[in-house]
Amino acid sequence: MSALTALARVLPSAPPSISLILVTWGLMAGCSSSRDIPPWFDQIQRLPIHIVTIQGHRLAYLDEGQGPPIVLLHGFGGSMWQWEYQQADLSARHRLITLDLLGSGLSDKPAIDYRPDRLVDSLRGFLDALGIERASLVGNSMGAGLAIAFALAYPERVDRLVLISGLPPGIEAKLASPLMKRAVETRMPVWLIELGNRLFGSNATEKVLEEIVFDHSLLTPAVIERSNRNRRQPGLMRPLMSLRDHLPEWESEFATRLHTITRPTLIMWGENDRLFPARVGEELRGLIPHSVLHLIPNAGHIPQWEQPRLVNQLLLRFLEP
């Protein structure tokens, strides 16, 4: 049963426009934002949340461990929670920095255009503020796109590059998920999307997570409630719509230059990714010189969350000096 069909069954009286609102919202259900940043990041352990102001906007992040720095970059609609199972293993040997990107998670969401170059500038300012001259970048989905863009703009500041499930050139053509395709293609006004989210969003959360996560047994009531709780926080929709609208700039400014990446690159891909099939990872490996690809079994679009033991082993092996 498709996600759209499931939503229609949940809301049999909803008009098609409302169903499309829910589909669009679905991409953003993973983690939302709050204007009041809490003092702790709640996962298995309690980790203190740090705040730094870059170009007048607050960014929230975790900063754990000592050693060569690693920066973790989440994907579209995501947040630092997607890296919760990397914290202990990676911070044991590295300084592990987990960032909520500008416009996402607990970070500020200013009314700006979320162009790729603006996110690159924000990341550069963030590293400058933390006194980090050079780091390994690990990105998932759109976070992988940001890691690629940063490595192309500032290769001297990147030690190693890890790309998890993204971001390929020809994004719209390669999308295999009807749910994602509808969200990328719709041009519904933001106020209408926000209205649908307030009225019906809780019914869509589980179906969206099922699209991203392969092993549905991992979607416990606590995980679903966390996603619903974050979804209800204000401020995420407009930045996400802006990010989507600026995807063509990723294609024109960065995707055409993948063959010029000079940093050692590890690509990891969920074998059961419903958004971008594993063959897309194979194609990306062919475009980036000297890159290696590992397929992660029994995992979807966020394999670092579904199969953390294997992913962490591969990360540590690759990132060791």
C-alpha atoms as a PDB file:
ATOM      1  CA  MET A   1       0.000   0.000   0.000  1.00  0.00           C
ATOM      2  CA  SER A   2       1.493   3.363  -1.000  1.00  0.00           C
ATOM      3  CA  ALA A   3       1.924   6.185   1.503  1.00  0.00           C
ATOM      4  CA  LEU A   4      -0.616   8.300  -0.369  1.00  0.00           C
ATOM      5  CA  THR A   5      -3.175   5.491  -0.295  1.00  0.00           C
ATOM      6  CA  ALA A   6      -2.539   5.012   3.402  1.00  0.00           C
ATOM      7  CA  LEU A   7      -3.131   8.681   4.067  1.00  0.00           C
ATOM      8  CA  ALA A   8      -6.345   8.606   2.072  1.00  0.00           C
ATOM      9  CA  ARG A   9      -7.560   5.738   4.249  1.00  0.00           C
ATOM     10  CA  VAL A  10      -6.633   7.634   7.393  1.00  0.00           C
ATOM     11  CA  LEU A  11      -8.564  10.678   6.158  1.00  0.00           C
ATOM     12  CA  PRO A  12     -11.253   9.333   3.813  1.00  0.00           C
ATOM     13  CA  SER A  13     -13.078  12.642   3.688  1.00  0.00           C
ATOM     14  CA  ALA A  14     -10.017  14.776   2.943  1.00  0.00           C
ATOM     15  CA  PRO A  15      -9.931  16.434  -0.487  1.00  0.00           C
ATOM     16  CA  PRO A  16      -6.970  15.696  -2.814  1.00  0.00           C
ATOM     17  CA  SER A  17      -5.338  19.014  -1.923  1.00  0.00           C
ATOM     18  CA  ILE A  18      -5.162  17.993   1.749  1.00  0.00           C
ATOM     19  CA  SER A  19      -3.658  14.630   0.826  1.00  0.00           C
ATOM     20  CA  LEU A  20      -0.973  16.444  -1.141  1.00  0.00           C
ATOM     21  CA  ILE A  21      -0.322  18.735   1.826  1.00  0.00           C
ATOM     22  CA  LEU A  22       0.274  15.681   3.997  1.00  0.00           C
ATOM     23  CA  VAL A  23       2.600  14.140   1.432  1.00  0.00           C
ATOM     24  CA  THR A  24       4.570  17.373   1.289  1.00  0.00           C
ATOM     25  CA  TRP A  25       4.709  17.614   5.050  1.00  0.00           C
ATOM     26  CA  GLY A  26       5.874  14.021   5.269  1.00  0.00           C
ATOM     27  CA  LEU A  27       9.348  14.850   4.075  1.00  0.00           C
ATOM     28  CA  MET A  28       9.730  17.175   7.018  1.00  0.00           C
ATOM     29  CA  ALA A  29       8.345  15.018   9.784  1.00  0.00           C
ATOM     30  CA  GLY A  30      11.649  13.669  11.058  1.00  0.00           C
ATOM     31  CA  CYS A  31      12.556  16.594  13.246  1.00  0.00           C
ATOM     32  CA  SER A  32      11.346  20.161  13.518  1.00  0.00           C
ATOM     33  CA  SER A  33      12.423  23.197  15.435  1.00  0.00           C
ATOM     34  CA  SER A  34      11.684  25.242  18.503  1.00  0.00           C
ATOM     35  CA  ARG A  35      12.256  28.897  19.211  1.00  0.00           C
ATOM     36  CA  ASP A  36      13.282  27.926  22.750  1.00  0.00           C
ATOM     37  CA  ILE A  37      16.398  25.746  22.570  1.00  0.00           C
ATOM     38  CA  PRO A  38      16.398  23.204  25.412  1.00  0.00           C
ATOM     39  CA  PRO A  39      19.513  22.687  27.546  1.00  0.00           C
ATOM     40  CA  TRP A  40      19.825  18.962  26.736  1.00  0.00           C
ATOM     41  CA  PHE A  41      19.679  16.687  23.739  1.00  0.00           C
ATOM     42  CA  ASP A  42      17.591  13.692  24.799  1.00  0.00           C
ATOM     43  CA  GLN A  43      18.766  10.354  23.429  1.00  0.00           C
ATOM     44  CA  ILE A  44      20.244   7.318  25.165  1.00  0.00           C
ATOM     45  CA  GLN A  45      22.471   9.658  27.164  1.00  0.00           C
ATOM     46  CA  ARG A  46      21.948  13.290  27.999  1.00  0.00           C
ATOM     47  CA  LEU A  47      24.355  15.431  26.012  1.00  0.00           C
ATOM     48  CA  PRO A  48      24.644  19.189  26.493  1.00  0.00           C
ATOM     49  CA  ILE A  49      23.495  21.346  23.610  1.00  0.00           C
ATOM     50  CA  HIS A  50      25.847  24.164  22.630  1.00  0.00           C
ATOM     51  CA  ILE A  51      24.830  27.342  20.842  1.00  0.00           C
ATOM     52  CA  VAL A  52      26.933  29.598  18.624  1.00  0.00           C
ATOM     53  CA  THR A  53      25.796  32.662  16.691  1.00  0.00           C
ATOM     54  CA  ILE A  54      26.894  32.770  13.054  1.00  0.00           C
ATOM     55  CA  GLN A  55      26.005  35.763  10.844  1.00  0.00           C
ATOM     56  CA  GLY A  56      23.378  36.773  13.402  1.00  0.00           C
ATOM     57  CA  HIS A  57      21.699  33.362  13.618  1.00  0.00           C
ATOM     58  CA  ARG A  58      21.949  30.764  16.381  1.00  0.00           C
ATOM     59  CA  LEU A  59      23.136  27.271  15.505  1.00  0.00           C
ATOM     60  CA  ALA A  60      22.619  24.370  17.927  1.00  0.00           C
ATOM     61  CA  TYR A  61      25.178  21.578  18.082  1.00  0.00           C
ATOM     62  CA  LEU A  62      26.680  18.768  20.143  1.00  0.00           C
ATOM     63  CA  ASP A  63      30.421  18.707  20.857  1.00  0.00           C
ATOM     64  CA  GLU A  64      31.779  15.514  22.405  1.00  0.00           C
ATOM     65  CA  GLY A  65      35.173  13.831  22.677  1.00  0.00           C
ATOM     66  CA  GLN A  66      38.770  14.667  21.827  1.00  0.00           C
ATOM     67  CA  GLY A  67      40.918  14.090  18.769  1.00  0.00           C
ATOM     68  CA  PRO A  68      40.686  14.769  15.018  1.00  0.00           C
ATOM     69  CA  PRO A  69      37.365  16.575  14.400  1.00  0.00           C
ATOM     70  CA  ILE A  70      34.388  15.032  12.619  1.00  0.00           C
ATOM     71  CA  VAL A  71      31.328  17.091  11.669  1.00  0.00           C
ATOM     72  CA  LEU A  72      28.018  15.254  11.154  1.00  0.00           C
ATOM     73  CA  LEU A  73      25.518  16.866   8.745  1.00  0.00           C
ATOM     74  CA  HIS A  74      21.882  15.708   8.669  1.00  0.00           C
ATOM     75  CA  GLY A  75      19.585  15.573   5.653  1.00  0.00           C
ATOM     76  CA  PHE A  76      16.486  17.401   4.425  1.00  0.00           C
ATOM     77  CA  GLY A  77      13.990  17.811   7.253  1.00  0.00           C
ATOM     78  CA  GLY A  78      16.362  16.040   9.617  1.00  0.00           C
ATOM     79  CA  SER A  79      18.156  16.979  12.792  1.00  0.00           C
ATOM     80  CA  MET A  80      20.893  15.859  15.147  1.00  0.00           C
ATOM     81  CA  TRP A  81      18.692  12.976  16.375  1.00  0.00           C
ATOM     82  CA  GLN A  82      19.553  11.062  13.191  1.00  0.00           C
ATOM     83  CA  TRP A  83      23.120  10.679  14.543  1.00  0.00           C
ATOM     84  CA  GLU A  84      22.207   9.542  18.052  1.00  0.00           C
ATOM     85  CA  TYR A  85      23.871   6.129  17.651  1.00  0.00           C
ATOM     86  CA  GLN A  86      27.162   7.613  16.461  1.00  0.00           C
ATOM     87  CA  GLN A  87      27.817   9.687  19.579  1.00  0.00           C
ATOM     88  CA  ALA A  88      29.477   7.154  21.893  1.00  0.00           C
ATOM     89  CA  ASP A  89      31.528   5.212  19.327  1.00  0.00           C
ATOM     90  CA  LEU A  90      32.897   8.147  17.356  1.00  0.00           C
ATOM     91  CA  SER A  91      33.515  10.503  20.286  1.00  0.00           C
ATOM     92  CA  ALA A  92      35.711   7.850  21.935  1.00  0.00           C
ATOM     93  CA  ARG A  93      38.445   8.599  19.351  1.00  0.00           C
ATOM     94  CA  HIS A  94      37.469  11.927  17.796  1.00  0.00           C
ATOM     95  CA  ARG A  95      36.060  15.330  18.561  1.00  0.00           C
ATOM     96  CA  LEU A  96      32.542  14.698  17.310  1.00  0.00           C
ATOM     97  CA  ILE A  97      30.467  17.723  16.336  1.00  0.00           C
ATOM     98  CA  THR A  98      26.807  17.179  15.436  1.00  0.00           C
ATOM     99  CA  LEU A  99      25.174  20.224  13.907  1.00  0.00           C
ATOM    100  CA  ASP A 100      21.597  21.292  13.394  1.00  0.00           C
ATOM    101  CA  LEU A 101      21.923  23.178  10.117  1.00  0.00           C
ATOM    102  CA  LEU A 102      20.598  26.696   9.669  1.00  0.00           C
ATOM    103  CA  GLY A 103      16.839  26.402   9.103  1.00  0.00           C
ATOM    104  CA  SER A 104      16.610  22.951  10.688  1.00  0.00           C
ATOM    105  CA  GLY A 105      16.243  21.229  14.039  1.00  0.00           C
ATOM    106  CA  LEU A 106      16.874  23.475  17.027  1.00  0.00           C
ATOM    107  CA  SER A 107      18.797  26.093  15.060  1.00  0.00           C
ATOM    108  CA  ASP A 108      17.309  29.415  13.993  1.00  0.00           C
ATOM    109  CA  LYS A 109      15.106  29.646  10.921  1.00  0.00           C
ATOM    110  CA  PRO A 110      15.481  33.147   9.500  1.00  0.00           C
ATOM    111  CA  ALA A 111      13.353  34.335   6.586  1.00  0.00           C
ATOM    112  CA  ILE A 112      16.079  34.007   3.947  1.00  0.00           C
ATOM    113  CA  ASP A 113      16.664  32.110   0.730  1.00  0.00           C
ATOM    114  CA  TYR A 114      18.275  28.778   1.637  1.00  0.00           C
ATOM    115  CA  ARG A 115      20.656  28.611  -1.294  1.00  0.00           C
ATOM    116  CA  PRO A 116      23.456  26.029  -1.325  1.00  0.00           C
ATOM    117  CA  ASP A 117      26.129  28.735  -1.222  1.00  0.00           C
ATOM    118  CA  ARG A 118      24.492  30.292   1.855  1.00  0.00           C
ATOM    119  CA  LEU A 119      24.599  26.955   3.691  1.00  0.00           C
ATOM    120  CA  VAL A 120      28.256  26.576   2.690  1.00  0.00           C
ATOM    121  CA  ASP A 121      28.988  30.039   4.123  1.00  0.00           C
ATOM    122  CA  SER A 122      27.117  29.151   7.322  1.00  0.00           C
ATOM    123  CA  LEU A 123      29.161  25.957   7.728  1.00  0.00           C
ATOM    124  CA  ARG A 124      32.412  27.857   7.106  1.00  0.00           C
ATOM    125  CA  GLY A 125      31.444  30.429   9.742  1.00  0.00           C
ATOM    126  CA  PHE A 126      30.551  27.633  12.150  1.00  0.00           C
ATOM    127  CA  LEU A 127      33.950  25.951  11.770  1.00  0.00           C
ATOM    128  CA  ASP A 128      35.692  29.310  12.133  1.00  0.00           C
ATOM    129  CA  ALA A 129      33.795  30.052  15.345  1.00  0.00           C
ATOM    130  CA  LEU A 130      34.820  26.687  16.804  1.00  0.00           C
ATOM    131  CA  GLY A 131      38.451  27.206  15.771  1.00  0.00           C
ATOM    132  CA  ILE A 132      38.455  24.208  13.440  1.00  0.00           C
ATOM    133  CA  GLU A 133      40.771  24.667  10.477  1.00  0.00           C
ATOM    134  CA  ARG A 134      40.270  21.212   9.001  1.00  0.00           C
ATOM    135  CA  ALA A 135      37.733  18.432   9.645  1.00  0.00           C
ATOM    136  CA  SER A 136      36.271  15.277   8.189  1.00  0.00           C
ATOM    137  CA  LEU A 137      32.706  15.820   6.976  1.00  0.00           C
ATOM    138  CA  VAL A 138      30.063  13.097   7.219  1.00  0.00           C
ATOM    139  CA  GLY A 139      26.756  13.935   5.509  1.00  0.00           C
ATOM    140  CA  ASN A 140      23.499  12.067   5.067  1.00  0.00           C
ATOM    141  CA  SER A 141      21.209  12.780   2.084  1.00  0.00           C
ATOM    142  CA  MET A 142      21.075  16.576   1.615  1.00  0.00           C
ATOM    143  CA  GLY A 143      23.780  16.825   4.280  1.00  0.00           C
ATOM    144  CA  ALA A 144      25.978  14.835   1.896  1.00  0.00           C
ATOM    145  CA  GLY A 145      25.223  17.484  -0.724  1.00  0.00           C
ATOM    146  CA  LEU A 146      26.409  20.179   1.674  1.00  0.00           C
ATOM    147  CA  ALA A 147      29.554  18.163   2.449  1.00  0.00           C
ATOM    148  CA  ILE A 148      30.265  17.875  -1.283  1.00  0.00           C
ATOM    149  CA  ALA A 149      29.668  21.590  -1.847  1.00  0.00           C
ATOM    150  CA  PHE A 150      31.950  22.531   1.045  1.00  0.00           C
ATOM    151  CA  ALA A 151      34.698  20.174  -0.162  1.00  0.00           C
ATOM    152  CA  LEU A 152      34.520  21.774  -3.608  1.00  0.00           C
ATOM    153  CA  ALA A 153      34.545  25.330  -2.218  1.00  0.00           C
ATOM    154  CA  TYR A 154      37.161  24.768   0.516  1.00  0.00           C
ATOM    155  CA  PRO A 155      39.117  21.575  -0.237  1.00  0.00           C
ATOM    156  CA  GLU A 156      41.949  22.654   2.062  1.00  0.00           C
ATOM    157  CA  ARG A 157      39.571  22.547   5.033  1.00  0.00           C
ATOM    158  CA  VAL A 158      38.327  18.987   4.468  1.00  0.00           C
ATOM    159  CA  ASP A 159      40.321  15.993   5.623  1.00  0.00           C
ATOM    160  CA  ARG A 160      38.048  13.147   4.507  1.00  0.00           C
ATOM    161  CA  LEU A 161      34.565  12.995   3.058  1.00  0.00           C
ATOM    162  CA  VAL A 162      31.803  10.504   3.885  1.00  0.00           C
ATOM    163  CA  LEU A 163      28.565  10.546   1.885  1.00  0.00           C
ATOM    164  CA  ILE A 164      25.655   8.486   3.215  1.00  0.00           C
ATOM    165  CA  SER A 165      22.722   7.983   0.832  1.00  0.00           C
ATOM    166  CA  GLY A 166      23.226  11.103  -1.236  1.00  0.00           C
ATOM    167  CA  LEU A 167      23.234  13.530  -2.863  1.00  0.00           C
ATOM    168  CA  PRO A 168      23.297  12.514  -6.568  1.00  0.00           C
ATOM    169  CA  PRO A 169      23.078  14.684  -9.650  1.00  0.00           C
ATOM    170  CA  GLY A 170      19.731  14.542 -11.440  1.00  0.00           C
ATOM    171  CA  ILE A 171      17.846  14.382  -8.147  1.00  0.00           C
ATOM    172  CA  GLU A 172      14.280  14.483  -9.447  1.00  0.00           C
ATOM    173  CA  ALA A 173      14.944  11.927 -12.180  1.00  0.00           C
ATOM    174  CA  LYS A 174      16.523   9.472  -9.735  1.00  0.00           C
ATOM    175  CA  LEU A 175      13.914   9.694  -6.993  1.00  0.00           C
ATOM    176  CA  ALA A 176      12.177   6.343  -6.680  1.00  0.00           C
ATOM    177  CA  SER A 177       9.717   7.352  -3.959  1.00  0.00           C
ATOM    178  CA  PRO A 178       6.327   8.660  -5.153  1.00  0.00           C
ATOM    179  CA  LEU A 179       6.009  10.373  -1.769  1.00  0.00           C
ATOM    180  CA  MET A 180       9.208  12.332  -2.292  1.00  0.00           C
ATOM    181  CA  LYS A 181       8.442  13.054  -5.940  1.00  0.00           C
ATOM    182  CA  ARG A 182       5.126  14.669  -5.033  1.00  0.00           C
ATOM    183  CA  ALA A 183       6.746  16.799  -2.351  1.00  0.00           C
ATOM    184  CA  VAL A 184       9.527  17.988  -4.649  1.00  0.00           C
ATOM    185  CA  GLU A 185       7.178  18.750  -7.515  1.00  0.00           C
ATOM    186  CA  THR A 186       4.344  20.488  -5.640  1.00  0.00           C
ATOM    187  CA  ARG A 187       4.288  24.279  -5.551  1.00  0.00           C
ATOM    188  CA  MET A 188       1.560  24.664  -2.965  1.00  0.00           C
ATOM    189  CA  PRO A 189       1.753  27.872  -0.874  1.00  0.00           C
ATOM    190  CA  VAL A 190       3.510  27.514   2.452  1.00  0.00           C
ATOM    191  CA  TRP A 191       0.506  28.688   4.465  1.00  0.00           C
ATOM    192  CA  LEU A 192      -1.554  25.828   3.044  1.00  0.00           C
ATOM    193  CA  ILE A 193       1.160  23.292   3.875  1.00  0.00           C
ATOM    194  CA  GLU A 194       1.390  24.685   7.400  1.00  0.00           C
ATOM    195  CA  LEU A 195      -2.384  24.418   7.787  1.00  0.00           C
ATOM    196  CA  GLY A 196      -2.384  20.789   6.668  1.00  0.00           C
ATOM    197  CA  ASN A 197       0.449  20.052   9.069  1.00  0.00           C
ATOM    198  CA  ARG A 198      -1.467  21.527  12.020  1.00  0.00           C
ATOM    199  CA  LEU A 199      -4.728  19.776  11.169  1.00  0.00           C
ATOM    200  CA  PHE A 200      -3.642  16.365   9.943  1.00  0.00           C
ATOM    201  CA  GLY A 201       0.118  15.980  10.359  1.00  0.00           C
ATOM    202  CA  SER A 202       0.041  13.469  13.218  1.00  0.00           C
ATOM    203  CA  ASN A 203      -1.713  10.926  10.995  1.00  0.00           C
ATOM    204  CA  ALA A 204       1.111  11.052   8.449  1.00  0.00           C
ATOM    205  CA  THR A 205       4.130  10.690  10.725  1.00  0.00           C
ATOM    206  CA  GLU A 206       4.319   6.907  10.877  1.00  0.00           C
ATOM    207  CA  LYS A 207       3.808   6.461   7.121  1.00  0.00           C
ATOM    208  CA  VAL A 208       6.586   8.919   6.378  1.00  0.00           C
ATOM    209  CA  LEU A 209       8.996   7.170   8.726  1.00  0.00           C
ATOM    210  CA  GLU A 210       8.110   3.869   7.091  1.00  0.00           C
ATOM    211  CA  GLU A 211       9.235   5.346   3.776  1.00  0.00           C
ATOM    212  CA  ILE A 212      12.635   6.330   5.153  1.00  0.00           C
ATOM    213  CA  VAL A 213      13.325   3.431   7.533  1.00  0.00           C
ATOM    214  CA  PHE A 214      13.521  -0.109   6.128  1.00  0.00           C
ATOM    215  CA  ASP A 215      13.081  -2.050   9.372  1.00  0.00           C
ATOM    216  CA  HIS A 216       9.697  -0.921  10.634  1.00  0.00           C
ATOM    217  CA  SER A 217      10.167  -2.703  13.955  1.00  0.00           C
ATOM    218  CA  LEU A 218      12.540   0.152  14.859  1.00  0.00           C
ATOM    219  CA  LEU A 219       9.653   2.607  14.670  1.00  0.00           C
ATOM    220  CA  THR A 220       8.618   2.274  18.281  1.00  0.00           C
ATOM    221  CA  PRO A 221       5.892   4.435  19.831  1.00  0.00           C
ATOM    222  CA  ALA A 222       8.650   6.508  21.453  1.00  0.00           C
ATOM    223  CA  VAL A 223      10.312   7.189  18.077  1.00  0.00           C
ATOM    224  CA  ILE A 224       7.002   8.117  16.470  1.00  0.00           C
ATOM    225  CA  GLU A 225       6.026  10.338  19.377  1.00  0.00           C
ATOM    226  CA  ARG A 226       9.371  12.109  19.223  1.00  0.00           C
ATOM    227  CA  SER A 227       8.794  12.832  15.542  1.00  0.00           C
ATOM    228  CA  ASN A 228       5.264  14.049  16.233  1.00  0.00           C
ATOM    229  CA  ARG A 229       6.460  16.241  19.086  1.00  0.00           C
ATOM    230  CA  ASN A 230       9.134  17.819  16.942  1.00  0.00           C
ATOM    231  CA  ARG A 231       6.735  18.252  14.031  1.00  0.00           C
ATOM    232  CA  ARG A 232       4.434  20.332  16.214  1.00  0.00           C
ATOM    233  CA  GLN A 233       7.175  22.830  16.994  1.00  0.00           C
ATOM    234  CA  PRO A 234       7.081  25.977  14.862  1.00  0.00           C
ATOM    235  CA  GLY A 235       9.322  27.290  12.163  1.00  0.00           C
ATOM    236  CA  LEU A 236      10.440  24.499   9.817  1.00  0.00           C
ATOM    237  CA  MET A 237       8.191  24.654   6.778  1.00  0.00           C
ATOM    238  CA  ARG A 238       9.409  27.813   5.066  1.00  0.00           C
ATOM    239  CA  PRO A 239      13.131  26.933   5.196  1.00  0.00           C
ATOM    240  CA  LEU A 240      12.407  23.465   3.836  1.00  0.00           C
ATOM    241  CA  MET A 241      10.361  24.811   0.960  1.00  0.00           C
ATOM    242  CA  SER A 242      13.195  27.220   0.192  1.00  0.00           C
ATOM    243  CA  LEU A 243      15.753  24.404   0.278  1.00  0.00           C
ATOM    244  CA  ARG A 244      13.603  22.450  -2.164  1.00  0.00           C
ATOM    245  CA  ASP A 245      13.196  25.455  -4.467  1.00  0.00           C
ATOM    246  CA  HIS A 246      16.965  25.920  -4.666  1.00  0.00           C
ATOM    247  CA  LEU A 247      17.760  22.335  -5.672  1.00  0.00           C
ATOM    248  CA  PRO A 248      18.473  23.477  -9.268  1.00  0.00           C
ATOM    249  CA  GLU A 249      21.424  25.484  -7.923  1.00  0.00           C
ATOM    250  CA  TRP A 250      22.887  22.321  -6.427  1.00  0.00           C
ATOM    251  CA  GLU A 251      22.680  20.783  -9.892  1.00  0.00           C
ATOM    252  CA  SER A 252      24.244  23.714 -11.730  1.00  0.00           C
ATOM    253  CA  GLU A 253      26.895  24.798  -9.215  1.00  0.00           C
ATOM    254  CA  PHE A 254      28.098  21.563  -7.646  1.00  0.00           C
ATOM    255  CA  ALA A 255      26.767  18.340  -9.204  1.00  0.00           C
ATOM    256  CA  THR A 256      28.621  19.020 -12.454  1.00  0.00           C
ATOM    257  CA  ARG A 257      31.933  19.209 -10.547  1.00  0.00           C
ATOM    258  CA  LEU A 258      31.844  15.889  -8.693  1.00  0.00           C
ATOM    259  CA  HIS A 259      34.737  14.626 -10.817  1.00  0.00           C
ATOM    260  CA  THR A 260      36.984  17.358  -9.366  1.00  0.00           C
ATOM    261  CA  ILE A 261      36.704  16.223  -5.723  1.00  0.00           C
ATOM    262  CA  THR A 262      40.205  15.541  -4.427  1.00  0.00           C
ATOM    263  CA  ARG A 263      39.558  14.378  -0.868  1.00  0.00           C
ATOM    264  CA  PRO A 264      39.412  10.663   0.064  1.00  0.00           C
ATOM    265  CA  THR A 265      35.727   9.752  -0.138  1.00  0.00           C
ATOM    266  CA  LEU A 266      33.690   6.942   1.409  1.00  0.00           C
ATOM    267  CA  ILE A 267      30.145   6.380   0.133  1.00  0.00           C
ATOM    268  CA  MET A 268      27.640   4.340   2.134  1.00  0.00           C
ATOM    269  CA  TRP A 269      24.191   3.425   0.881  1.00  0.00           C
ATOM    270  CA  GLY A 270      21.281   1.480   2.333  1.00  0.00           C
ATOM    271  CA  GLU A 271      20.592  -1.575   0.175  1.00  0.00           C
ATOM    272  CA  ASN A 272      16.869  -0.996   0.725  1.00  0.00           C
ATOM    273  CA  ASP A 273      16.781   2.774   0.244  1.00  0.00           C
ATOM    274  CA  ARG A 274      13.318   3.656  -1.098  1.00  0.00           C
ATOM    275  CA  LEU A 275      14.242   7.247  -1.973  1.00  0.00           C
ATOM    276  CA  PHE A 276      17.394   6.662  -4.022  1.00  0.00           C
ATOM    277  CA  PRO A 277      18.022   3.008  -4.985  1.00  0.00           C
ATOM    278  CA  ALA A 278      21.436   1.468  -4.384  1.00  0.00           C
ATOM    279  CA  ARG A 279      22.314   1.807  -8.076  1.00  0.00           C
ATOM    280  CA  VAL A 280      22.389   5.575  -7.524  1.00  0.00           C
ATOM    281  CA  GLY A 281      25.190   5.038  -5.016  1.00  0.00           C
ATOM    282  CA  GLU A 282      27.066   3.020  -7.622  1.00  0.00           C
ATOM    283  CA  GLU A 283      26.712   5.907 -10.053  1.00  0.00           C
ATOM    284  CA  LEU A 284      27.971   8.407  -7.488  1.00  0.00           C
ATOM    285  CA  ARG A 285      31.017   6.226  -6.818  1.00  0.00           C
ATOM    286  CA  GLY A 286      31.795   6.306 -10.540  1.00  0.00           C
ATOM    287  CA  LEU A 287      31.642  10.112 -10.596  1.00  0.00           C
ATOM    288  CA  ILE A 288      33.978  10.805  -7.654  1.00  0.00           C
ATOM    289  CA  PRO A 289      37.622   9.838  -8.253  1.00  0.00           C
ATOM    290  CA  HIS A 290      39.185   7.344  -5.846  1.00  0.00           C
ATOM    291  CA  SER A 291      35.955   6.881  -3.898  1.00  0.00           C
ATOM    292  CA  VAL A 292      34.812   3.588  -2.382  1.00  0.00           C
ATOM    293  CA  LEU A 293      31.248   2.348  -1.850  1.00  0.00           C
ATOM    294  CA  HIS A 294      29.810   0.126   0.872  1.00  0.00           C
ATOM    295  CA  LEU A 295      26.206  -1.071   0.679  1.00  0.00           C
ATOM    296  CA  ILE A 296      24.575  -1.424   4.089  1.00  0.00           C
ATOM    297  CA  PRO A 297      22.213  -4.418   4.296  1.00  0.00           C
ATOM    298  CA  ASN A 298      18.773  -4.164   5.891  1.00  0.00           C
ATOM    299  CA  ALA A 299      18.835  -0.372   5.832  1.00  0.00           C
ATOM    300  CA  GLY A 300      16.934   2.412   4.104  1.00  0.00           C
ATOM    301  CA  HIS A 301      17.727   6.093   3.673  1.00  0.00           C
ATOM    302  CA  ILE A 302      19.328   6.653   7.104  1.00  0.00           C
ATOM    303  CA  PRO A 303      21.551   3.562   7.486  1.00  0.00           C
ATOM    304  CA  GLN A 304      23.570   5.203  10.263  1.00  0.00           C
ATOM    305  CA  TRP A 305      20.419   5.045  12.392  1.00  0.00           C
ATOM    306  CA  GLU A 306      19.257   1.578  11.330  1.00  0.00           C
ATOM    307  CA  GLN A 307      22.616  -0.212  11.261  1.00  0.00           C
ATOM    308  CA  PRO A 308      24.855   1.862  13.537  1.00  0.00           C
ATOM    309  CA  ARG A 309      27.271  -0.914  14.485  1.00  0.00           C
ATOM    310  CA  LEU A 310      28.313  -1.618  10.898  1.00  0.00           C
ATOM    311  CA  VAL A 311      28.250   2.044   9.860  1.00  0.00           C
ATOM    312  CA  ASN A 312      30.351   3.082  12.863  1.00  0.00           C
ATOM    313  CA  GLN A 313      32.920   0.368  12.146  1.00  0.00           C
ATOM    314  CA  LEU A 314      33.243   1.549   8.546  1.00  0.00           C
ATOM    315  CA  LEU A 315      33.443   5.184   9.621  1.00  0.00           C
ATOM    316  CA  LEU A 316      36.167   4.612  12.194  1.00  0.00           C
ATOM    317  CA  ARG A 317      38.208   2.477   9.827  1.00  0.00           C
ATOM    318  CA  PHE A 318      38.012   5.110   7.095  1.00  0.00           C
ATOM    319  CA  LEU A 319      38.603   8.130   9.336  1.00  0.00           C
ATOM    320  CA  GLU A 320      41.616   6.789  11.202  1.00  0.00           C
ATOM    321  CA  PRO A 321      44.736   8.839  10.322  1.00  0.00           C
END
